Amino acid sequence: MEASLAGRAAVITGGSKGLGFATANRFAASGADVAILARTQSTLDEAVAEISKTAKGRVLGVSCDVAKAEETPAAYDKVVSAF
């Protein structure tokens, strides 16, 4: 069964590699707007490019270390303004 996530948005931490990447890729292919967060911008850029190949929604990469509470408000603001 194929689920449509059109009109939905997701924020996925650790979204540039591994399980986070796989989740972001699947959500985007199902129509969701997806923001992936990770620490390294170059890795994010590569992940966004790869996910965008099959995405039906928008894909955004935001550099953020969620282990540092002071970085999360700026990441939140970027995602909200984009979506």
N, C-alpha and C. Protein backbone atom coordinates (compact mmCIF):
# COMPACT_ATOMS: atom_id res chain seq x y z
N MET A 1 0.84 -1.17 0.00
CA MET A 1 0.00 0.00 0.00
C MET A 1 0.89 1.23 0.00
N GLU A 2 0.57 2.17 -0.84
CA GLU A 2 1.32 3.41 -0.97
C GLU A 2 0.57 4.52 -0.23
N ALA A 3 1.26 5.20 0.68
CA ALA A 3 0.64 6.29 1.44
C ALA A 3 1.09 7.62 0.86
N SER A 4 0.17 8.54 0.70
CA SER A 4 0.51 9.87 0.23
C SER A 4 0.74 10.78 1.43
N LEU A 5 1.86 11.46 1.43
CA LEU A 5 2.16 12.43 2.48
C LEU A 5 2.10 13.85 1.93
N ALA A 6 1.47 14.04 0.79
CA ALA A 6 1.33 15.37 0.18
C ALA A 6 0.68 16.32 1.18
N GLY A 7 1.22 17.52 1.26
CA GLY A 7 0.69 18.51 2.19
C GLY A 7 1.21 18.38 3.60
N ARG A 8 2.07 17.41 3.84
CA ARG A 8 2.67 17.18 5.17
C ARG A 8 4.12 17.64 5.15
N ALA A 9 4.66 17.87 6.33
CA ALA A 9 6.07 18.24 6.45
C ALA A 9 6.70 17.39 7.55
N ALA A 10 7.98 17.09 7.36
CA ALA A 10 8.71 16.29 8.35
C ALA A 10 10.08 16.92 8.59
N VAL A 11 10.51 16.88 9.83
CA VAL A 11 11.87 17.28 10.20
C VAL A 11 12.56 16.03 10.69
N ILE A 12 13.68 15.69 10.06
CA ILE A 12 14.37 14.45 10.40
C ILE A 12 15.80 14.78 10.80
N THR A 13 16.12 14.50 12.06
CA THR A 13 17.49 14.72 12.53
C THR A 13 18.35 13.53 12.10
N GLY A 14 19.61 13.80 11.85
CA GLY A 14 20.48 12.74 11.37
C GLY A 14 20.07 12.28 9.98
N GLY A 15 19.51 13.20 9.19
CA GLY A 15 18.92 12.84 7.91
C GLY A 15 19.87 12.73 6.75
N SER A 16 21.15 12.91 6.97
CA SER A 16 22.09 12.87 5.84
C SER A 16 22.68 11.48 5.61
N LYS A 17 22.48 10.57 6.55
CA LYS A 17 23.07 9.23 6.44
C LYS A 17 22.16 8.19 7.09
N GLY A 18 22.40 6.95 6.75
CA GLY A 18 21.78 5.83 7.45
C GLY A 18 20.27 5.84 7.48
N LEU A 19 19.73 5.48 8.64
CA LEU A 19 18.28 5.36 8.82
C LEU A 19 17.57 6.71 8.61
N GLY A 20 18.19 7.79 9.08
CA GLY A 20 17.60 9.12 8.88
C GLY A 20 17.48 9.46 7.41
N PHE A 21 18.52 9.16 6.64
CA PHE A 21 18.49 9.40 5.20
C PHE A 21 17.41 8.55 4.53
N ALA A 22 17.34 7.29 4.89
CA ALA A 22 16.34 6.40 4.30
C ALA A 22 14.92 6.88 4.61
N THR A 23 14.71 7.33 5.82
CA THR A 23 13.39 7.84 6.21
C THR A 23 13.05 9.10 5.43
N ALA A 24 14.00 10.03 5.36
CA ALA A 24 13.78 11.27 4.63
C ALA A 24 13.50 10.99 3.15
N ASN A 25 14.25 10.07 2.59
CA ASN A 25 14.09 9.72 1.18
C ASN A 25 12.68 9.17 0.92
N ARG A 26 12.22 8.30 1.79
CA ARG A 26 10.90 7.69 1.63
C ARG A 26 9.78 8.71 1.83
N PHE A 27 9.92 9.55 2.86
CA PHE A 27 8.91 10.58 3.10
C PHE A 27 8.81 11.52 1.90
N ALA A 28 9.96 11.97 1.38
CA ALA A 28 9.97 12.90 0.26
C ALA A 28 9.38 12.26 -1.00
N ALA A 29 9.69 10.99 -1.23
CA ALA A 29 9.13 10.27 -2.38
C ALA A 29 7.63 10.09 -2.25
N SER A 30 7.12 10.12 -1.03
CA SER A 30 5.68 9.98 -0.78
C SER A 30 4.96 11.32 -0.80
N GLY A 31 5.70 12.41 -1.06
CA GLY A 31 5.07 13.71 -1.23
C GLY A 31 5.26 14.71 -0.12
N ALA A 32 5.89 14.32 0.98
CA ALA A 32 6.09 15.25 2.10
C ALA A 32 7.20 16.25 1.78
N ASP A 33 7.07 17.44 2.34
CA ASP A 33 8.18 18.38 2.38
C ASP A 33 9.07 17.90 3.52
N VAL A 34 10.36 17.76 3.26
CA VAL A 34 11.26 17.17 4.24
C VAL A 34 12.43 18.09 4.52
N ALA A 35 12.66 18.35 5.79
CA ALA A 35 13.86 19.06 6.23
C ALA A 35 14.75 18.06 6.92
N ILE A 36 15.98 17.94 6.45
CA ILE A 36 16.92 17.05 7.11
C ILE A 36 17.94 17.89 7.86
N LEU A 37 18.22 17.48 9.08
CA LEU A 37 19.20 18.16 9.92
C LEU A 37 20.39 17.25 10.13
N ALA A 38 21.57 17.83 10.06
CA ALA A 38 22.81 17.11 10.33
C ALA A 38 23.88 18.16 10.62
N ARG A 39 25.02 17.72 11.12
CA ARG A 39 26.06 18.66 11.53
C ARG A 39 26.90 19.20 10.38
N THR A 40 27.08 18.43 9.32
CA THR A 40 28.02 18.81 8.28
C THR A 40 27.29 19.25 7.01
N GLN A 41 27.52 20.51 6.60
CA GLN A 41 26.79 21.06 5.46
C GLN A 41 27.09 20.32 4.16
N SER A 42 28.34 19.92 3.94
CA SER A 42 28.66 19.23 2.69
C SER A 42 27.93 17.88 2.59
N THR A 43 27.83 17.19 3.68
CA THR A 43 27.09 15.92 3.70
C THR A 43 25.60 16.17 3.47
N LEU A 44 25.10 17.23 4.07
CA LEU A 44 23.69 17.61 3.86
C LEU A 44 23.42 17.91 2.39
N ASP A 45 24.33 18.68 1.77
CA ASP A 45 24.15 19.04 0.36
C ASP A 45 24.07 17.80 -0.52
N GLU A 46 24.92 16.82 -0.26
CA GLU A 46 24.91 15.57 -1.02
C GLU A 46 23.59 14.82 -0.80
N ALA A 47 23.14 14.76 0.44
CA ALA A 47 21.90 14.05 0.76
C ALA A 47 20.70 14.74 0.12
N VAL A 48 20.66 16.06 0.18
CA VAL A 48 19.55 16.81 -0.43
C VAL A 48 19.51 16.54 -1.94
N ALA A 49 20.66 16.56 -2.58
CA ALA A 49 20.72 16.30 -4.03
C ALA A 49 20.20 14.90 -4.35
N GLU A 50 20.58 13.92 -3.56
CA GLU A 50 20.15 12.54 -3.80
C GLU A 50 18.65 12.38 -3.55
N ILE A 51 18.17 12.91 -2.45
CA ILE A 51 16.74 12.79 -2.12
C ILE A 51 15.88 13.52 -3.15
N SER A 52 16.37 14.65 -3.63
CA SER A 52 15.61 15.46 -4.58
C SER A 52 15.35 14.74 -5.90
N LYS A 53 16.15 13.74 -6.21
CA LYS A 53 15.98 13.00 -7.46
C LYS A 53 14.62 12.31 -7.55
N THR A 54 14.07 11.86 -6.42
CA THR A 54 12.79 11.16 -6.43
C THR A 54 11.72 11.87 -5.60
N ALA A 55 12.05 13.02 -5.04
CA ALA A 55 11.12 13.72 -4.15
C ALA A 55 9.94 14.30 -4.93
N LYS A 56 8.79 14.20 -4.31
CA LYS A 56 7.59 14.86 -4.83
C LYS A 56 7.30 16.13 -4.04
N GLY A 57 7.97 16.27 -2.91
CA GLY A 57 7.85 17.47 -2.09
C GLY A 57 9.17 18.23 -2.07
N ARG A 58 9.22 19.27 -1.29
CA ARG A 58 10.45 20.06 -1.17
C ARG A 58 11.41 19.39 -0.20
N VAL A 59 12.70 19.60 -0.43
CA VAL A 59 13.74 19.03 0.43
C VAL A 59 14.67 20.15 0.86
N LEU A 60 14.90 20.25 2.14
CA LEU A 60 15.74 21.29 2.71
C LEU A 60 16.78 20.66 3.62
N GLY A 61 18.01 21.10 3.50
CA GLY A 61 19.08 20.66 4.40
C GLY A 61 19.46 21.78 5.34
N VAL A 62 19.46 21.51 6.63
CA VAL A 62 19.78 22.53 7.63
C VAL A 62 20.89 22.00 8.53
N SER A 63 21.98 22.74 8.57
CA SER A 63 23.09 22.35 9.43
C SER A 63 22.76 22.68 10.88
N CYS A 64 22.77 21.65 11.72
CA CYS A 64 22.41 21.83 13.13
C CYS A 64 22.90 20.63 13.92
N ASP A 65 23.52 20.89 15.05
CA ASP A 65 23.87 19.83 16.00
C ASP A 65 22.80 19.85 17.08
N VAL A 66 21.86 18.92 17.01
CA VAL A 66 20.74 18.93 17.94
C VAL A 66 21.15 18.63 19.38
N ALA A 67 22.40 18.18 19.57
CA ALA A 67 22.90 17.97 20.92
C ALA A 67 23.24 19.30 21.60
N LYS A 68 23.27 20.38 20.81
CA LYS A 68 23.55 21.72 21.34
C LYS A 68 22.26 22.53 21.27
N ALA A 69 21.61 22.68 22.40
CA ALA A 69 20.30 23.33 22.46
C ALA A 69 20.31 24.71 21.84
N GLU A 70 21.40 25.42 21.91
CA GLU A 70 21.46 26.78 21.37
C GLU A 70 21.38 26.81 19.84
N GLU A 71 21.60 25.68 19.17
CA GLU A 71 21.53 25.65 17.71
C GLU A 71 20.13 25.35 17.18
N THR A 72 19.28 24.80 18.01
CA THR A 72 17.97 24.36 17.51
C THR A 72 17.00 25.49 17.17
N PRO A 73 16.97 26.62 17.87
CA PRO A 73 16.03 27.67 17.47
C PRO A 73 16.27 28.19 16.04
N ALA A 74 17.52 28.37 15.66
CA ALA A 74 17.81 28.86 14.30
C ALA A 74 17.39 27.82 13.26
N ALA A 75 17.61 26.54 13.55
CA ALA A 75 17.20 25.49 12.63
C ALA A 75 15.67 25.48 12.51
N TYR A 76 15.00 25.59 13.61
CA TYR A 76 13.53 25.65 13.61
C TYR A 76 13.04 26.81 12.75
N ASP A 77 13.63 27.98 12.93
CA ASP A 77 13.23 29.15 12.15
C ASP A 77 13.42 28.94 10.66
N LYS A 78 14.53 28.31 10.26
CA LYS A 78 14.78 28.04 8.84
C LYS A 78 13.73 27.10 8.27
N VAL A 79 13.38 26.07 9.01
CA VAL A 79 12.39 25.11 8.52
C VAL A 79 11.02 25.76 8.42
N VAL A 80 10.62 26.49 9.42
CA VAL A 80 9.29 27.13 9.41
C VAL A 80 9.19 28.15 8.28
N SER A 81 10.25 28.92 8.05
CA SER A 81 10.17 29.91 6.98
C SER A 81 10.17 29.25 5.59
N ALA A 82 10.81 28.09 5.46
CA ALA A 82 10.84 27.40 4.17
C ALA A 82 9.54 26.67 3.87
N PHE A 83 8.91 26.13 4.90
CA PHE A 83 7.71 25.32 4.71
C PHE A 83 6.46 26.02 5.21
